[in-house]
Amino acid sequence: MLGEYFRLALVCALALLLIVASVTDLRARIISNRLNLTVAALAPLWWYASGLPLWPGVGVQLLAAFIVFSAFALLFALGCMGGGDVKLLGALALWFPWQATLSMLMLMALLGGGVTIVTVVHHRMTRRLGQPQIPYGIAISLAAMWLLGERYLNHFA
């Protein structure tokens, strides 16, 4: 029983961090390193609370996070994505099984398209100069929160 409350507290903490990431990315186009580090640092507590075995469980989580981070770091190098977004994705990949991480990335891409459209329309309506900066942290956070909520919402299905 206590373990379930601890897991729920960790899920709530992650959700709160994701909300903060969305708001700061929307307002300032920045997701802080401190926030990303906190998300990553809470993952081992999640592993422990979830009973994830050290091998192969934790090893697979670390490998998946490395692959996600590396793939999106390449997009950062090409100028397609912000550094905070890349670090947030890598940190989130520590939390979810690799299959769920793939689902999160697919949902993130769909939501990111919507965020991009809204941002470009707003940029043009306000007649701003230059290229708009897309607050992709919103799409990342919404996709991750969807996965977090799915565990509890599908429980009733």
N, C-alpha and C. Protein backbone atom coordinates (compact mmCIF):
# COMPACT_ATOMS: atom_id res chain seq x y z
N MET A 1 0.82 -1.19 0.00
CA MET A 1 0.00 0.00 0.00
C MET A 1 0.86 1.26 0.00
N LEU A 2 1.89 1.27 0.85
CA LEU A 2 2.79 2.42 0.92
C LEU A 2 3.53 2.59 -0.40
N GLY A 3 3.88 1.47 -1.02
CA GLY A 3 4.58 1.51 -2.32
C GLY A 3 3.73 2.16 -3.40
N GLU A 4 2.43 1.88 -3.37
CA GLU A 4 1.53 2.47 -4.36
C GLU A 4 1.43 3.99 -4.18
N TYR A 5 1.40 4.45 -2.94
CA TYR A 5 1.38 5.89 -2.68
C TYR A 5 2.69 6.55 -3.13
N PHE A 6 3.80 5.85 -2.93
CA PHE A 6 5.09 6.39 -3.35
C PHE A 6 5.14 6.51 -4.88
N ARG A 7 4.65 5.47 -5.58
CA ARG A 7 4.61 5.52 -7.05
C ARG A 7 3.70 6.65 -7.52
N LEU A 8 2.56 6.81 -6.87
CA LEU A 8 1.65 7.89 -7.24
C LEU A 8 2.28 9.25 -6.99
N ALA A 9 3.01 9.39 -5.90
CA ALA A 9 3.71 10.65 -5.61
C ALA A 9 4.75 10.94 -6.68
N LEU A 10 5.46 9.92 -7.14
CA LEU A 10 6.45 10.12 -8.20
C LEU A 10 5.78 10.51 -9.51
N VAL A 11 4.66 9.88 -9.84
CA VAL A 11 3.92 10.24 -11.05
C VAL A 11 3.44 11.68 -10.96
N CYS A 12 2.93 12.08 -9.82
CA CYS A 12 2.47 13.47 -9.63
C CYS A 12 3.64 14.45 -9.73
N ALA A 13 4.79 14.09 -9.18
CA ALA A 13 5.97 14.95 -9.28
C ALA A 13 6.39 15.11 -10.73
N LEU A 14 6.39 14.00 -11.49
CA LEU A 14 6.75 14.08 -12.89
C LEU A 14 5.75 14.94 -13.66
N ALA A 15 4.47 14.75 -13.39
CA ALA A 15 3.44 15.55 -14.07
C ALA A 15 3.63 17.04 -13.78
N LEU A 16 3.93 17.37 -12.53
CA LEU A 16 4.16 18.77 -12.17
C LEU A 16 5.38 19.32 -12.91
N LEU A 17 6.45 18.55 -12.98
CA LEU A 17 7.65 18.97 -13.71
C LEU A 17 7.35 19.17 -15.20
N LEU A 18 6.50 18.32 -15.75
CA LEU A 18 6.13 18.46 -17.16
C LEU A 18 5.29 19.71 -17.40
N ILE A 19 4.43 20.04 -16.45
CA ILE A 19 3.65 21.28 -16.57
C ILE A 19 4.59 22.49 -16.52
N VAL A 20 5.54 22.46 -15.60
CA VAL A 20 6.52 23.55 -15.51
C VAL A 20 7.31 23.65 -16.81
N ALA A 21 7.72 22.52 -17.37
CA ALA A 21 8.47 22.53 -18.64
C ALA A 21 7.64 23.16 -19.75
N SER A 22 6.36 22.82 -19.81
CA SER A 22 5.48 23.39 -20.84
C SER A 22 5.35 24.90 -20.69
N VAL A 23 5.10 25.33 -19.48
CA VAL A 23 4.89 26.76 -19.24
C VAL A 23 6.15 27.56 -19.53
N THR A 24 7.29 27.09 -19.05
CA THR A 24 8.53 27.84 -19.29
C THR A 24 8.91 27.81 -20.76
N ASP A 25 8.64 26.70 -21.45
CA ASP A 25 8.95 26.64 -22.87
C ASP A 25 8.03 27.58 -23.65
N LEU A 26 6.78 27.66 -23.27
CA LEU A 26 5.84 28.55 -23.93
C LEU A 26 6.22 30.01 -23.70
N ARG A 27 6.57 30.35 -22.48
CA ARG A 27 6.87 31.74 -22.14
C ARG A 27 8.24 32.20 -22.63
N ALA A 28 9.26 31.38 -22.42
CA ALA A 28 10.64 31.83 -22.68
C ALA A 28 11.38 30.97 -23.69
N ARG A 29 10.74 29.91 -24.20
CA ARG A 29 11.37 28.98 -25.12
C ARG A 29 12.61 28.34 -24.51
N ILE A 30 12.52 28.04 -23.21
CA ILE A 30 13.62 27.41 -22.48
C ILE A 30 13.07 26.31 -21.57
N ILE A 31 13.73 25.16 -21.59
CA ILE A 31 13.48 24.12 -20.59
C ILE A 31 14.80 23.99 -19.84
N SER A 32 14.79 24.31 -18.57
CA SER A 32 16.04 24.41 -17.82
C SER A 32 16.73 23.07 -17.63
N ASN A 33 18.04 23.15 -17.54
CA ASN A 33 18.83 21.95 -17.25
C ASN A 33 18.48 21.38 -15.88
N ARG A 34 18.18 22.25 -14.94
CA ARG A 34 17.82 21.80 -13.59
C ARG A 34 16.54 20.96 -13.63
N LEU A 35 15.57 21.39 -14.41
CA LEU A 35 14.32 20.63 -14.53
C LEU A 35 14.60 19.27 -15.18
N ASN A 36 15.36 19.27 -16.26
CA ASN A 36 15.69 18.00 -16.93
C ASN A 36 16.48 17.07 -16.03
N LEU A 37 17.39 17.63 -15.27
CA LEU A 37 18.18 16.82 -14.34
C LEU A 37 17.27 16.23 -13.25
N THR A 38 16.30 17.00 -12.79
CA THR A 38 15.37 16.50 -11.77
C THR A 38 14.54 15.34 -12.31
N VAL A 39 14.06 15.48 -13.56
CA VAL A 39 13.29 14.39 -14.18
C VAL A 39 14.15 13.13 -14.27
N ALA A 40 15.40 13.29 -14.70
CA ALA A 40 16.30 12.14 -14.82
C ALA A 40 16.64 11.55 -13.45
N ALA A 41 16.85 12.42 -12.45
CA ALA A 41 17.24 11.95 -11.12
C ALA A 41 16.11 11.21 -10.41
N LEU A 42 14.86 11.52 -10.74
CA LEU A 42 13.73 10.82 -10.12
C LEU A 42 13.49 9.44 -10.73
N ALA A 43 14.03 9.21 -11.93
CA ALA A 43 13.80 7.93 -12.61
C ALA A 43 14.28 6.72 -11.80
N PRO A 44 15.48 6.75 -11.19
CA PRO A 44 15.88 5.58 -10.39
C PRO A 44 14.92 5.29 -9.21
N LEU A 45 14.34 6.33 -8.65
CA LEU A 45 13.34 6.11 -7.61
C LEU A 45 12.12 5.40 -8.19
N TRP A 46 11.75 5.79 -9.40
CA TRP A 46 10.63 5.15 -10.10
C TRP A 46 10.94 3.68 -10.37
N TRP A 47 12.18 3.41 -10.80
CA TRP A 47 12.58 2.02 -11.06
C TRP A 47 12.47 1.19 -9.79
N TYR A 48 12.97 1.74 -8.70
CA TYR A 48 12.93 1.04 -7.42
C TYR A 48 11.48 0.80 -6.98
N ALA A 49 10.66 1.85 -7.05
CA ALA A 49 9.27 1.75 -6.62
C ALA A 49 8.47 0.79 -7.50
N SER A 50 8.87 0.66 -8.75
CA SER A 50 8.17 -0.22 -9.68
C SER A 50 8.71 -1.64 -9.67
N GLY A 51 9.79 -1.86 -8.91
CA GLY A 51 10.37 -3.21 -8.83
C GLY A 51 11.13 -3.61 -10.08
N LEU A 52 11.66 -2.65 -10.81
CA LEU A 52 12.40 -2.94 -12.04
C LEU A 52 13.72 -3.61 -11.68
N PRO A 53 13.99 -4.78 -12.25
CA PRO A 53 15.26 -5.46 -11.92
C PRO A 53 16.44 -4.71 -12.52
N LEU A 54 17.58 -4.82 -11.83
CA LEU A 54 18.79 -4.14 -12.30
C LEU A 54 19.17 -4.62 -13.70
N TRP A 55 19.13 -5.95 -13.90
CA TRP A 55 19.42 -6.50 -15.22
C TRP A 55 18.30 -7.42 -15.61
N PRO A 56 17.72 -7.30 -16.75
CA PRO A 56 18.02 -6.36 -17.82
C PRO A 56 17.23 -5.06 -17.74
N GLY A 57 16.31 -4.94 -16.77
CA GLY A 57 15.39 -3.81 -16.71
C GLY A 57 16.05 -2.44 -16.77
N VAL A 58 16.90 -2.16 -15.80
CA VAL A 58 17.55 -0.84 -15.74
C VAL A 58 18.48 -0.67 -16.93
N GLY A 59 19.16 -1.74 -17.33
CA GLY A 59 20.04 -1.66 -18.49
C GLY A 59 19.29 -1.27 -19.76
N VAL A 60 18.11 -1.84 -19.95
CA VAL A 60 17.30 -1.50 -21.12
C VAL A 60 16.83 -0.05 -21.05
N GLN A 61 16.45 0.40 -19.85
CA GLN A 61 16.03 1.81 -19.69
C GLN A 61 17.17 2.75 -20.07
N LEU A 62 18.37 2.45 -19.59
CA LEU A 62 19.53 3.30 -19.89
C LEU A 62 19.86 3.29 -21.38
N LEU A 63 19.78 2.11 -22.00
CA LEU A 63 20.05 2.01 -23.43
C LEU A 63 19.01 2.78 -24.23
N ALA A 64 17.74 2.63 -23.89
CA ALA A 64 16.68 3.34 -24.60
C ALA A 64 16.86 4.85 -24.46
N ALA A 65 17.19 5.31 -23.26
CA ALA A 65 17.40 6.74 -23.05
C ALA A 65 18.58 7.24 -23.87
N PHE A 66 19.64 6.45 -23.94
CA PHE A 66 20.81 6.83 -24.73
C PHE A 66 20.46 6.93 -26.21
N ILE A 67 19.69 5.98 -26.71
CA ILE A 67 19.30 5.98 -28.12
C ILE A 67 18.41 7.18 -28.43
N VAL A 68 17.42 7.44 -27.55
CA VAL A 68 16.52 8.59 -27.76
C VAL A 68 17.32 9.88 -27.73
N PHE A 69 18.17 10.03 -26.72
CA PHE A 69 18.96 11.24 -26.60
C PHE A 69 19.85 11.43 -27.82
N SER A 70 20.51 10.37 -28.26
CA SER A 70 21.42 10.46 -29.41
C SER A 70 20.68 10.83 -30.69
N ALA A 71 19.54 10.20 -30.92
CA ALA A 71 18.76 10.49 -32.14
C ALA A 71 18.31 11.94 -32.17
N PHE A 72 17.82 12.43 -31.04
CA PHE A 72 17.33 13.81 -31.02
C PHE A 72 18.47 14.83 -30.90
N ALA A 73 19.62 14.40 -30.39
CA ALA A 73 20.79 15.29 -30.40
C ALA A 73 21.23 15.54 -31.84
N LEU A 74 21.06 14.56 -32.69
CA LEU A 74 21.35 14.75 -34.11
C LEU A 74 20.41 15.81 -34.69
N LEU A 75 19.13 15.73 -34.34
CA LEU A 75 18.18 16.75 -34.80
C LEU A 75 18.54 18.13 -34.25
N PHE A 76 19.05 18.18 -33.02
CA PHE A 76 19.52 19.44 -32.45
C PHE A 76 20.69 19.98 -33.27
N ALA A 77 21.62 19.11 -33.61
CA ALA A 77 22.79 19.52 -34.39
C ALA A 77 22.39 20.06 -35.77
N LEU A 78 21.29 19.55 -36.30
CA LEU A 78 20.79 20.01 -37.59
C LEU A 78 19.92 21.26 -37.45
N GLY A 79 19.72 21.72 -36.22
CA GLY A 79 18.93 22.93 -35.99
C GLY A 79 17.43 22.71 -36.00
N CYS A 80 17.01 21.46 -35.86
CA CYS A 80 15.58 21.14 -35.91
C CYS A 80 14.92 21.11 -34.54
N MET A 81 15.70 21.16 -33.49
CA MET A 81 15.14 20.98 -32.15
C MET A 81 16.01 21.71 -31.14
N GLY A 82 15.40 22.14 -30.05
CA GLY A 82 16.14 22.82 -28.99
C GLY A 82 16.84 21.83 -28.07
N GLY A 83 17.88 22.30 -27.42
CA GLY A 83 18.65 21.46 -26.52
C GLY A 83 17.85 20.99 -25.31
N GLY A 84 17.03 21.86 -24.76
CA GLY A 84 16.20 21.48 -23.62
C GLY A 84 15.20 20.39 -23.98
N ASP A 85 14.67 20.46 -25.19
CA ASP A 85 13.74 19.43 -25.67
C ASP A 85 14.44 18.08 -25.74
N VAL A 86 15.65 18.08 -26.26
CA VAL A 86 16.42 16.84 -26.41
C VAL A 86 16.70 16.23 -25.04
N LYS A 87 17.13 17.07 -24.10
CA LYS A 87 17.45 16.56 -22.75
C LYS A 87 16.19 16.06 -22.05
N LEU A 88 15.05 16.75 -22.25
CA LEU A 88 13.80 16.29 -21.64
C LEU A 88 13.40 14.93 -22.21
N LEU A 89 13.53 14.75 -23.51
CA LEU A 89 13.19 13.45 -24.11
C LEU A 89 14.08 12.34 -23.57
N GLY A 90 15.37 12.62 -23.45
CA GLY A 90 16.27 11.61 -22.89
C GLY A 90 15.91 11.26 -21.46
N ALA A 91 15.58 12.27 -20.66
CA ALA A 91 15.20 12.04 -19.27
C ALA A 91 13.90 11.26 -19.17
N LEU A 92 12.94 11.58 -20.03
CA LEU A 92 11.66 10.87 -20.00
C LEU A 92 11.80 9.42 -20.44
N ALA A 93 12.74 9.16 -21.35
CA ALA A 93 12.95 7.78 -21.79
C ALA A 93 13.45 6.90 -20.65
N LEU A 94 13.98 7.51 -19.59
CA LEU A 94 14.36 6.74 -18.41
C LEU A 94 13.15 6.24 -17.63
N TRP A 95 12.03 6.89 -17.80
CA TRP A 95 10.82 6.57 -17.03
C TRP A 95 9.97 5.47 -17.64
N PHE A 96 9.89 5.43 -18.96
CA PHE A 96 8.92 4.55 -19.63
C PHE A 96 9.61 3.36 -20.28
N PRO A 97 8.93 2.22 -20.32
CA PRO A 97 9.47 1.08 -21.10
C PRO A 97 9.66 1.52 -22.54
N TRP A 98 10.56 0.86 -23.26
CA TRP A 98 10.89 1.31 -24.61
C TRP A 98 9.68 1.34 -25.52
N GLN A 99 8.74 0.40 -25.34
CA GLN A 99 7.54 0.39 -26.18
C GLN A 99 6.69 1.64 -25.92
N ALA A 100 6.56 2.00 -24.65
CA ALA A 100 5.81 3.20 -24.30
C ALA A 100 6.54 4.45 -24.77
N THR A 101 7.87 4.42 -24.75
CA THR A 101 8.65 5.55 -25.24
C THR A 101 8.38 5.77 -26.73
N LEU A 102 8.29 4.68 -27.48
CA LEU A 102 7.96 4.81 -28.91
C LEU A 102 6.58 5.42 -29.09
N SER A 103 5.62 5.00 -28.28
CA SER A 103 4.28 5.58 -28.33
C SER A 103 4.32 7.07 -28.00
N MET A 104 5.12 7.41 -26.98
CA MET A 104 5.25 8.82 -26.59
C MET A 104 5.82 9.64 -27.75
N LEU A 105 6.82 9.10 -28.43
CA LEU A 105 7.44 9.83 -29.55
C LEU A 105 6.46 10.01 -30.71
N MET A 106 5.65 9.01 -30.97
CA MET A 106 4.65 9.14 -32.03
C MET A 106 3.60 10.19 -31.67
N LEU A 107 3.11 10.12 -30.46
CA LEU A 107 2.13 11.10 -30.01
C LEU A 107 2.74 12.50 -29.97
N MET A 108 3.99 12.59 -29.54
CA MET A 108 4.70 13.87 -29.51
C MET A 108 4.78 14.46 -30.91
N ALA A 109 5.05 13.64 -31.90
CA ALA A 109 5.15 14.14 -33.27
C ALA A 109 3.81 14.70 -33.75
N LEU A 110 2.72 13.99 -33.44
CA LEU A 110 1.40 14.48 -33.83
C LEU A 110 1.04 15.78 -33.10
N LEU A 111 1.25 15.79 -31.80
CA LEU A 111 0.97 17.01 -31.04
C LEU A 111 1.90 18.15 -31.45
N GLY A 112 3.14 17.80 -31.77
CA GLY A 112 4.10 18.81 -32.22
C GLY A 112 3.66 19.48 -33.50
N GLY A 113 3.02 18.73 -34.38
CA GLY A 113 2.47 19.32 -35.60
C GLY A 113 1.43 20.38 -35.28
N GLY A 114 0.57 20.07 -34.32
CA GLY A 114 -0.44 21.05 -33.89
C GLY A 114 0.19 22.27 -33.25
N VAL A 115 1.17 22.04 -32.39
CA VAL A 115 1.87 23.16 -31.73
C VAL A 115 2.56 24.03 -32.78
N THR A 116 3.14 23.39 -33.78
CA THR A 116 3.83 24.13 -34.84
C THR A 116 2.85 24.99 -35.63
N ILE A 117 1.72 24.43 -36.00
CA ILE A 117 0.71 25.18 -36.76
C ILE A 117 0.23 26.38 -35.96
N VAL A 118 -0.11 26.17 -34.70
CA VAL A 118 -0.59 27.27 -33.86
C VAL A 118 0.48 28.35 -33.72
N THR A 119 1.73 27.94 -33.53
CA THR A 119 2.82 28.89 -33.35
C THR A 119 3.06 29.70 -34.63
N VAL A 120 3.05 29.04 -35.78
CA VAL A 120 3.28 29.73 -37.05
C VAL A 120 2.13 30.70 -37.34
N VAL A 121 0.91 30.27 -37.12
CA VAL A 121 -0.25 31.15 -37.33
C VAL A 121 -0.15 32.37 -36.41
N HIS A 122 0.15 32.15 -35.15
CA HIS A 122 0.29 33.26 -34.20
C HIS A 122 1.43 34.19 -34.62
N HIS A 123 2.54 33.62 -35.07
CA HIS A 123 3.70 34.39 -35.52
C HIS A 123 3.33 35.31 -36.69
N ARG A 124 2.56 34.77 -37.61
CA ARG A 124 2.16 35.56 -38.79
C ARG A 124 1.09 36.57 -38.45
N MET A 125 0.16 36.21 -37.58
CA MET A 125 -0.92 37.15 -37.21
C MET A 125 -0.37 38.34 -36.45
N THR A 126 0.66 38.13 -35.67
CA THR A 126 1.26 39.23 -34.92
C THR A 126 2.35 39.93 -35.73
N ARG A 127 2.55 39.46 -36.96
CA ARG A 127 3.50 40.06 -37.91
C ARG A 127 4.92 40.19 -37.35
N ARG A 128 5.35 39.14 -36.70
CA ARG A 128 6.72 39.13 -36.17
C ARG A 128 7.70 38.80 -37.27
N LEU A 129 8.90 39.31 -37.12
CA LEU A 129 9.96 39.06 -38.09
C LEU A 129 10.71 37.78 -37.73
N GLY A 130 11.38 37.19 -38.73
CA GLY A 130 12.19 36.00 -38.49
C GLY A 130 11.37 34.74 -38.41
N GLN A 131 12.09 33.68 -38.14
CA GLN A 131 11.46 32.36 -38.01
C GLN A 131 10.87 32.19 -36.61
N PRO A 132 9.69 31.61 -36.51
CA PRO A 132 9.14 31.36 -35.17
C PRO A 132 9.90 30.25 -34.46
N GLN A 133 10.05 30.38 -33.16
CA GLN A 133 10.63 29.31 -32.35
C GLN A 133 9.47 28.47 -31.82
N ILE A 134 9.51 27.20 -32.10
CA ILE A 134 8.41 26.30 -31.73
C ILE A 134 8.62 25.80 -30.31
N PRO A 135 7.65 26.02 -29.41
CA PRO A 135 7.77 25.50 -28.04
C PRO A 135 7.42 24.00 -27.99
N TYR A 136 8.34 23.18 -28.50
CA TYR A 136 8.09 21.74 -28.64
C TYR A 136 7.96 21.03 -27.29
N GLY A 137 8.45 21.70 -26.23
CA GLY A 137 8.30 21.12 -24.90
C GLY A 137 6.84 20.88 -24.53
N ILE A 138 5.95 21.65 -25.12
CA ILE A 138 4.52 21.45 -24.86
C ILE A 138 4.09 20.09 -25.39
N ALA A 139 4.47 19.79 -26.62
CA ALA A 139 4.10 18.50 -27.22
C ALA A 139 4.74 17.34 -26.47
N ILE A 140 5.99 17.52 -26.08
CA ILE A 140 6.70 16.47 -25.34
C ILE A 140 5.99 16.22 -24.01
N SER A 141 5.67 17.29 -23.31
CA SER A 141 5.03 17.16 -22.00
C SER A 141 3.64 16.56 -22.09
N LEU A 142 2.86 17.00 -23.07
CA LEU A 142 1.52 16.44 -23.23
C LEU A 142 1.56 14.96 -23.57
N ALA A 143 2.48 14.56 -24.43
CA ALA A 143 2.61 13.15 -24.79
C ALA A 143 3.00 12.32 -23.57
N ALA A 144 3.94 12.82 -22.78
CA ALA A 144 4.36 12.09 -21.58
C ALA A 144 3.24 12.03 -20.55
N MET A 145 2.51 13.14 -20.38
CA MET A 145 1.39 13.12 -19.42
C MET A 145 0.28 12.18 -19.88
N TRP A 146 0.10 12.07 -21.19
CA TRP A 146 -0.87 11.11 -21.72
C TRP A 146 -0.49 9.70 -21.28
N LEU A 147 0.79 9.37 -21.41
CA LEU A 147 1.25 8.04 -20.99
C LEU A 147 1.07 7.84 -19.49
N LEU A 148 1.39 8.86 -18.72
CA LEU A 148 1.22 8.75 -17.26
C LEU A 148 -0.24 8.52 -16.91
N GLY A 149 -1.13 9.27 -17.52
CA GLY A 149 -2.55 9.15 -17.22
C GLY A 149 -3.16 7.88 -17.75
N GLU A 150 -2.62 7.38 -18.85
CA GLU A 150 -3.15 6.18 -19.48
C GLU A 150 -3.14 4.99 -18.53
N ARG A 151 -2.10 4.87 -17.72
CA ARG A 151 -2.02 3.76 -16.76
C ARG A 151 -3.20 3.76 -15.80
N TYR A 152 -3.63 4.96 -15.42
CA TYR A 152 -4.70 5.07 -14.44
C TYR A 152 -6.07 5.12 -15.10
N LEU A 153 -6.19 5.75 -16.25
CA LEU A 153 -7.47 5.84 -16.94
C LEU A 153 -7.88 4.50 -17.54
N ASN A 154 -6.93 3.76 -18.10
CA ASN A 154 -7.25 2.45 -18.69
C ASN A 154 -7.51 1.41 -17.62
N HIS A 155 -7.18 1.70 -16.39
CA HIS A 155 -7.44 0.80 -15.29
C HIS A 155 -8.95 0.55 -15.15
N PHE A 156 -9.76 1.53 -15.53
CA PHE A 156 -11.21 1.43 -15.38
C PHE A 156 -11.89 0.84 -16.61
N ALA A 157 -11.15 0.68 -17.71
CA ALA A 157 -11.74 0.18 -18.95
C ALA A 157 -12.01 -1.31 -18.89
